[in-house]
Amino acid sequence: MQENNIIGDPHEPGSHALRCPQCHGALTVVQIEPIYEVDNTFNPYRTVVECASCSYRMVTESYTILGGIKNVDGQYVEIGSWGPTGSRMLSRFKYTVNEDLLKNLKKTQELVEFLILNESVVQIIG
């Protein structure tokens, strides 16, 4: 049985995080509609992930976080951000984006938006 995980090697420079687990083709992520949950600190969206080259399709939740990187340890990234009430938050996620990029963002302390899909950072926006 093949895993349903979006693949990418975060330790390999130039690795593309959004690759199909079946055929390694490019994936398209489409956020369809918001999911309204009172207890959620982020605004999740019903999300469809589809491969451009094969029939792979996954329906899941995704959200974005605006923040800065506090730590990168080879498997997890810690992102400092703000909650809905304005309080500071620290979130920890696995990641599939390039580790050197994350380390550079930590060094520069640049605020960027992170796309979180299946509780993993899969893309940096902006």
N, C-alpha and C. Protein backbone atom coordinates (compact mmCIF):
# COMPACT_ATOMS: atom_id res chain seq x y z
N MET A 1 0.84 -1.18 0.00
CA MET A 1 0.00 0.00 0.00
C MET A 1 0.89 1.24 0.00
N GLN A 2 0.62 2.17 -0.85
CA GLN A 2 1.41 3.38 -0.98
C GLN A 2 0.91 4.44 -0.02
N GLU A 3 1.86 5.18 0.60
CA GLU A 3 1.48 6.25 1.51
C GLU A 3 0.82 7.38 0.77
N ASN A 4 -0.02 8.13 1.48
CA ASN A 4 -0.73 9.26 0.92
C ASN A 4 -0.04 10.58 1.27
N ASN A 5 1.26 10.56 1.50
CA ASN A 5 1.98 11.76 1.89
C ASN A 5 2.55 12.47 0.69
N ILE A 6 2.47 13.79 0.72
CA ILE A 6 3.13 14.61 -0.30
C ILE A 6 4.61 14.55 0.01
N ILE A 7 5.41 14.31 -1.01
CA ILE A 7 6.82 14.06 -0.75
C ILE A 7 7.69 15.25 -1.12
N GLY A 8 8.89 15.21 -0.66
CA GLY A 8 9.91 16.20 -0.92
C GLY A 8 11.02 15.96 0.08
N ASP A 9 12.24 16.20 -0.28
CA ASP A 9 13.36 16.01 0.63
C ASP A 9 13.80 17.37 1.14
N PRO A 10 13.50 17.71 2.41
CA PRO A 10 13.85 19.02 2.93
C PRO A 10 15.35 19.25 3.06
N HIS A 11 16.15 18.20 2.95
CA HIS A 11 17.60 18.34 3.08
C HIS A 11 18.29 18.49 1.72
N GLU A 12 17.53 18.33 0.65
CA GLU A 12 18.11 18.41 -0.70
C GLU A 12 17.82 19.78 -1.31
N PRO A 13 18.88 20.55 -1.63
CA PRO A 13 18.67 21.86 -2.25
C PRO A 13 17.90 21.71 -3.56
N GLY A 14 16.96 22.61 -3.77
CA GLY A 14 16.18 22.58 -5.00
C GLY A 14 15.07 21.56 -5.00
N SER A 15 14.90 20.84 -3.88
CA SER A 15 13.84 19.84 -3.81
C SER A 15 12.48 20.53 -3.86
N HIS A 16 11.57 20.00 -4.65
CA HIS A 16 10.23 20.55 -4.75
C HIS A 16 9.35 19.79 -3.78
N ALA A 17 8.76 20.50 -2.82
CA ALA A 17 7.99 19.85 -1.76
C ALA A 17 6.65 19.31 -2.23
N LEU A 18 6.10 19.87 -3.30
CA LEU A 18 4.77 19.48 -3.71
C LEU A 18 4.82 18.50 -4.88
N ARG A 19 5.19 17.27 -4.59
CA ARG A 19 5.29 16.21 -5.60
C ARG A 19 4.36 15.08 -5.24
N CYS A 20 3.78 14.49 -6.26
CA CYS A 20 2.84 13.39 -6.10
C CYS A 20 3.54 12.16 -5.50
N PRO A 21 2.91 11.52 -4.50
CA PRO A 21 3.51 10.32 -3.92
C PRO A 21 3.42 9.10 -4.84
N GLN A 22 2.57 9.17 -5.88
CA GLN A 22 2.41 8.04 -6.79
C GLN A 22 3.33 8.14 -8.01
N CYS A 23 3.37 9.32 -8.66
CA CYS A 23 4.12 9.41 -9.92
C CYS A 23 5.20 10.50 -9.89
N HIS A 24 5.29 11.23 -8.79
CA HIS A 24 6.26 12.33 -8.61
C HIS A 24 5.96 13.53 -9.50
N GLY A 25 4.76 13.60 -10.05
CA GLY A 25 4.34 14.76 -10.85
C GLY A 25 4.05 15.95 -9.95
N ALA A 26 3.86 17.10 -10.57
CA ALA A 26 3.56 18.33 -9.83
C ALA A 26 2.14 18.28 -9.26
N LEU A 27 1.99 18.76 -8.04
CA LEU A 27 0.69 18.80 -7.38
C LEU A 27 0.14 20.22 -7.39
N THR A 28 -1.17 20.32 -7.46
CA THR A 28 -1.87 21.59 -7.36
C THR A 28 -2.69 21.56 -6.08
N VAL A 29 -2.58 22.63 -5.27
CA VAL A 29 -3.32 22.74 -4.02
C VAL A 29 -4.37 23.82 -4.20
N VAL A 30 -5.64 23.47 -3.95
CA VAL A 30 -6.75 24.42 -4.09
C VAL A 30 -7.52 24.47 -2.77
N GLN A 31 -7.52 25.65 -2.13
CA GLN A 31 -8.31 25.83 -0.93
C GLN A 31 -9.74 26.18 -1.36
N ILE A 32 -10.69 25.30 -1.03
CA ILE A 32 -12.06 25.40 -1.53
C ILE A 32 -12.92 26.34 -0.71
N GLU A 33 -13.11 26.04 0.55
CA GLU A 33 -14.01 26.83 1.39
C GLU A 33 -13.54 26.79 2.83
N PRO A 34 -13.79 27.87 3.57
CA PRO A 34 -13.37 27.87 4.98
C PRO A 34 -14.19 26.89 5.81
N ILE A 35 -13.55 26.37 6.84
CA ILE A 35 -14.21 25.49 7.81
C ILE A 35 -14.33 26.32 9.09
N TYR A 36 -15.53 26.60 9.47
CA TYR A 36 -15.75 27.46 10.64
C TYR A 36 -15.78 26.63 11.90
N GLU A 37 -14.74 26.81 12.71
CA GLU A 37 -14.63 26.12 13.99
C GLU A 37 -14.28 27.16 15.05
N VAL A 38 -15.08 27.24 16.08
CA VAL A 38 -14.87 28.24 17.13
C VAL A 38 -13.57 27.99 17.89
N ASP A 39 -13.22 26.74 18.12
CA ASP A 39 -12.06 26.40 18.93
C ASP A 39 -10.73 26.46 18.18
N ASN A 40 -10.75 26.65 16.88
CA ASN A 40 -9.52 26.60 16.09
C ASN A 40 -8.83 27.96 16.09
N THR A 41 -7.52 27.97 16.35
CA THR A 41 -6.77 29.23 16.38
C THR A 41 -6.41 29.72 14.99
N PHE A 42 -6.50 28.86 13.98
CA PHE A 42 -6.22 29.23 12.61
C PHE A 42 -7.52 29.10 11.80
N ASN A 43 -7.52 29.62 10.60
CA ASN A 43 -8.70 29.52 9.73
C ASN A 43 -8.48 28.41 8.72
N PRO A 44 -8.92 27.19 9.04
CA PRO A 44 -8.70 26.08 8.11
C PRO A 44 -9.63 26.14 6.90
N TYR A 45 -9.16 25.57 5.81
CA TYR A 45 -9.94 25.48 4.57
C TYR A 45 -10.04 24.03 4.14
N ARG A 46 -11.20 23.66 3.62
CA ARG A 46 -11.30 22.36 2.94
C ARG A 46 -10.43 22.50 1.70
N THR A 47 -9.55 21.54 1.50
CA THR A 47 -8.52 21.67 0.47
C THR A 47 -8.46 20.42 -0.38
N VAL A 48 -8.30 20.63 -1.67
CA VAL A 48 -8.13 19.53 -2.61
C VAL A 48 -6.71 19.60 -3.17
N VAL A 49 -6.04 18.47 -3.15
CA VAL A 49 -4.69 18.35 -3.72
C VAL A 49 -4.78 17.35 -4.86
N GLU A 50 -4.39 17.79 -6.07
CA GLU A 50 -4.48 16.92 -7.25
C GLU A 50 -3.17 16.92 -8.01
N CYS A 51 -2.89 15.78 -8.62
CA CYS A 51 -1.71 15.64 -9.46
C CYS A 51 -2.05 16.02 -10.90
N ALA A 52 -1.12 16.71 -11.54
CA ALA A 52 -1.31 17.11 -12.95
C ALA A 52 -1.02 15.94 -13.90
N SER A 53 -0.35 14.89 -13.42
CA SER A 53 0.09 13.81 -14.30
C SER A 53 -0.65 12.49 -14.14
N CYS A 54 -1.30 12.29 -13.00
CA CYS A 54 -2.01 11.02 -12.78
C CYS A 54 -3.33 11.29 -12.06
N SER A 55 -3.97 10.25 -11.59
CA SER A 55 -5.29 10.40 -10.97
C SER A 55 -5.24 10.66 -9.46
N TYR A 56 -4.05 10.89 -8.92
CA TYR A 56 -3.93 11.13 -7.47
C TYR A 56 -4.76 12.35 -7.07
N ARG A 57 -5.54 12.18 -5.99
CA ARG A 57 -6.37 13.26 -5.47
C ARG A 57 -6.54 13.04 -3.97
N MET A 58 -6.44 14.11 -3.21
CA MET A 58 -6.60 14.03 -1.76
C MET A 58 -7.43 15.22 -1.31
N VAL A 59 -8.39 14.98 -0.43
CA VAL A 59 -9.17 16.06 0.18
C VAL A 59 -8.75 16.12 1.64
N THR A 60 -8.37 17.31 2.10
CA THR A 60 -7.84 17.47 3.44
C THR A 60 -8.15 18.88 3.94
N GLU A 61 -7.50 19.31 4.99
CA GLU A 61 -7.59 20.67 5.49
C GLU A 61 -6.23 21.34 5.36
N SER A 62 -6.25 22.65 5.15
CA SER A 62 -5.01 23.42 5.12
C SER A 62 -5.28 24.79 5.71
N TYR A 63 -4.21 25.47 6.07
CA TYR A 63 -4.31 26.84 6.55
C TYR A 63 -2.96 27.50 6.39
N THR A 64 -2.93 28.81 6.57
CA THR A 64 -1.67 29.54 6.49
C THR A 64 -1.40 30.21 7.83
N ILE A 65 -0.11 30.42 8.09
CA ILE A 65 0.33 31.11 9.30
C ILE A 65 1.32 32.18 8.87
N LEU A 66 1.12 33.42 9.33
CA LEU A 66 2.08 34.48 9.14
C LEU A 66 2.96 34.51 10.37
N GLY A 67 4.27 34.36 10.18
CA GLY A 67 5.15 34.34 11.34
C GLY A 67 6.60 34.26 10.95
N GLY A 68 7.42 34.05 11.95
CA GLY A 68 8.86 33.92 11.77
C GLY A 68 9.35 32.63 12.39
N ILE A 69 10.47 32.15 11.89
CA ILE A 69 11.02 30.88 12.37
C ILE A 69 11.83 31.10 13.63
N LYS A 70 11.52 30.31 14.64
CA LYS A 70 12.24 30.36 15.91
C LYS A 70 13.31 29.28 15.99
N ASN A 71 13.03 28.11 15.38
CA ASN A 71 13.99 27.02 15.44
C ASN A 71 13.73 26.02 14.31
N VAL A 72 14.81 25.43 13.80
CA VAL A 72 14.75 24.35 12.81
C VAL A 72 15.68 23.26 13.32
N ASP A 73 15.19 22.01 13.43
CA ASP A 73 16.04 20.97 14.01
C ASP A 73 16.27 19.75 13.12
N GLY A 74 16.00 19.85 11.84
CA GLY A 74 16.23 18.72 10.95
C GLY A 74 14.99 17.90 10.70
N GLN A 75 14.00 17.99 11.57
CA GLN A 75 12.74 17.29 11.37
C GLN A 75 11.55 18.22 11.59
N TYR A 76 11.70 19.15 12.53
CA TYR A 76 10.61 20.07 12.86
C TYR A 76 11.06 21.51 12.73
N VAL A 77 10.06 22.39 12.48
CA VAL A 77 10.30 23.82 12.46
C VAL A 77 9.33 24.44 13.48
N GLU A 78 9.85 25.39 14.27
CA GLU A 78 9.00 26.12 15.20
C GLU A 78 8.75 27.51 14.63
N ILE A 79 7.47 27.89 14.55
CA ILE A 79 7.06 29.16 13.96
C ILE A 79 6.41 30.01 15.04
N GLY A 80 6.94 31.21 15.22
CA GLY A 80 6.34 32.18 16.13
C GLY A 80 5.33 33.01 15.35
N SER A 81 4.11 33.10 15.86
CA SER A 81 3.05 33.83 15.16
C SER A 81 2.12 34.46 16.19
N TRP A 82 0.98 34.94 15.72
CA TRP A 82 0.00 35.56 16.59
C TRP A 82 -1.31 34.80 16.49
N GLY A 83 -1.99 34.64 17.63
CA GLY A 83 -3.29 34.01 17.66
C GLY A 83 -4.39 35.01 17.33
N PRO A 84 -5.63 34.57 17.27
CA PRO A 84 -6.74 35.44 16.91
C PRO A 84 -6.94 36.61 17.88
N THR A 85 -6.50 36.45 19.13
CA THR A 85 -6.66 37.52 20.11
C THR A 85 -5.45 38.45 20.16
N GLY A 86 -4.45 38.17 19.32
CA GLY A 86 -3.24 38.99 19.30
C GLY A 86 -2.13 38.47 20.19
N SER A 87 -2.37 37.38 20.90
CA SER A 87 -1.34 36.81 21.76
C SER A 87 -0.31 36.05 20.93
N ARG A 88 0.92 36.02 21.42
CA ARG A 88 1.99 35.31 20.72
C ARG A 88 1.77 33.81 20.86
N MET A 89 2.09 33.09 19.77
CA MET A 89 1.96 31.63 19.74
C MET A 89 3.25 31.03 19.20
N LEU A 90 3.55 29.85 19.64
CA LEU A 90 4.66 29.08 19.08
C LEU A 90 4.10 27.74 18.62
N SER A 91 4.22 27.45 17.32
CA SER A 91 3.69 26.22 16.74
C SER A 91 4.84 25.40 16.19
N ARG A 92 4.72 24.08 16.28
CA ARG A 92 5.77 23.17 15.82
C ARG A 92 5.18 22.24 14.76
N PHE A 93 5.88 22.16 13.61
CA PHE A 93 5.40 21.35 12.49
C PHE A 93 6.55 20.57 11.87
N LYS A 94 6.22 19.42 11.26
CA LYS A 94 7.15 18.78 10.35
C LYS A 94 7.21 19.65 9.11
N TYR A 95 8.18 19.44 8.24
CA TYR A 95 8.27 20.26 7.04
C TYR A 95 8.81 19.47 5.86
N THR A 96 8.40 19.91 4.65
CA THR A 96 8.91 19.31 3.42
C THR A 96 9.60 20.34 2.55
N VAL A 97 9.68 21.59 3.02
CA VAL A 97 10.39 22.62 2.26
C VAL A 97 11.88 22.52 2.56
N ASN A 98 12.69 23.17 1.74
CA ASN A 98 14.14 23.08 1.85
C ASN A 98 14.64 23.62 3.20
N GLU A 99 15.42 22.81 3.90
CA GLU A 99 15.93 23.17 5.22
C GLU A 99 16.84 24.40 5.18
N ASP A 100 17.65 24.56 4.13
CA ASP A 100 18.52 25.73 4.03
C ASP A 100 17.70 27.01 3.94
N LEU A 101 16.57 26.96 3.23
CA LEU A 101 15.68 28.12 3.15
C LEU A 101 15.13 28.47 4.53
N LEU A 102 14.71 27.46 5.28
CA LEU A 102 14.20 27.70 6.63
C LEU A 102 15.27 28.29 7.54
N LYS A 103 16.49 27.78 7.45
CA LYS A 103 17.58 28.31 8.27
C LYS A 103 17.90 29.76 7.90
N ASN A 104 17.84 30.07 6.61
CA ASN A 104 18.07 31.44 6.17
C ASN A 104 16.97 32.38 6.69
N LEU A 105 15.72 31.92 6.65
CA LEU A 105 14.62 32.73 7.18
C LEU A 105 14.76 32.93 8.69
N LYS A 106 15.28 31.92 9.38
CA LYS A 106 15.52 32.08 10.82
C LYS A 106 16.59 33.14 11.06
N LYS A 107 17.63 33.09 10.27
CA LYS A 107 18.74 34.03 10.41
C LYS A 107 18.30 35.47 10.14
N THR A 108 17.48 35.69 9.10
CA THR A 108 17.05 37.03 8.74
C THR A 108 15.86 37.51 9.56
N GLN A 109 15.18 36.57 10.25
CA GLN A 109 13.99 36.89 11.05
C GLN A 109 12.87 37.50 10.21
N GLU A 110 12.83 37.17 8.91
CA GLU A 110 11.81 37.68 8.01
C GLU A 110 10.46 37.04 8.33
N LEU A 111 9.40 37.86 8.30
CA LEU A 111 8.05 37.35 8.47
C LEU A 111 7.54 36.88 7.12
N VAL A 112 7.07 35.64 7.06
CA VAL A 112 6.52 35.09 5.82
C VAL A 112 5.27 34.30 6.16
N GLU A 113 4.56 33.92 5.12
CA GLU A 113 3.36 33.10 5.30
C GLU A 113 3.72 31.66 4.97
N PHE A 114 3.30 30.75 5.82
CA PHE A 114 3.58 29.32 5.66
C PHE A 114 2.27 28.61 5.33
N LEU A 115 2.30 27.76 4.30
CA LEU A 115 1.14 26.92 3.99
C LEU A 115 1.30 25.62 4.74
N ILE A 116 0.31 25.31 5.58
CA ILE A 116 0.32 24.09 6.39
C ILE A 116 -0.71 23.14 5.79
N LEU A 117 -0.25 21.96 5.45
CA LEU A 117 -1.11 20.93 4.85
C LEU A 117 -0.83 19.63 5.58
N ASN A 118 -1.86 19.01 6.13
CA ASN A 118 -1.68 17.78 6.92
C ASN A 118 -0.65 17.96 8.03
N GLU A 119 -0.72 19.11 8.69
CA GLU A 119 0.16 19.44 9.81
C GLU A 119 1.65 19.46 9.46
N SER A 120 1.96 19.75 8.20
CA SER A 120 3.34 19.92 7.74
C SER A 120 3.44 21.22 6.95
N VAL A 121 4.57 21.92 7.11
CA VAL A 121 4.84 23.10 6.30
C VAL A 121 5.22 22.58 4.92
N VAL A 122 4.42 22.92 3.90
CA VAL A 122 4.69 22.43 2.56
C VAL A 122 5.11 23.53 1.59
N GLN A 123 4.88 24.80 1.98
CA GLN A 123 5.26 25.88 1.07
C GLN A 123 5.40 27.19 1.85
N ILE A 124 6.30 28.02 1.38
CA ILE A 124 6.47 29.36 1.93
C ILE A 124 5.94 30.33 0.88
N ILE A 125 5.03 31.20 1.31
CA ILE A 125 4.37 32.13 0.42
C ILE A 125 4.95 33.52 0.66
N GLY A 126 5.42 34.15 -0.39
CA GLY A 126 5.92 35.53 -0.26
C GLY A 126 7.37 35.64 0.05
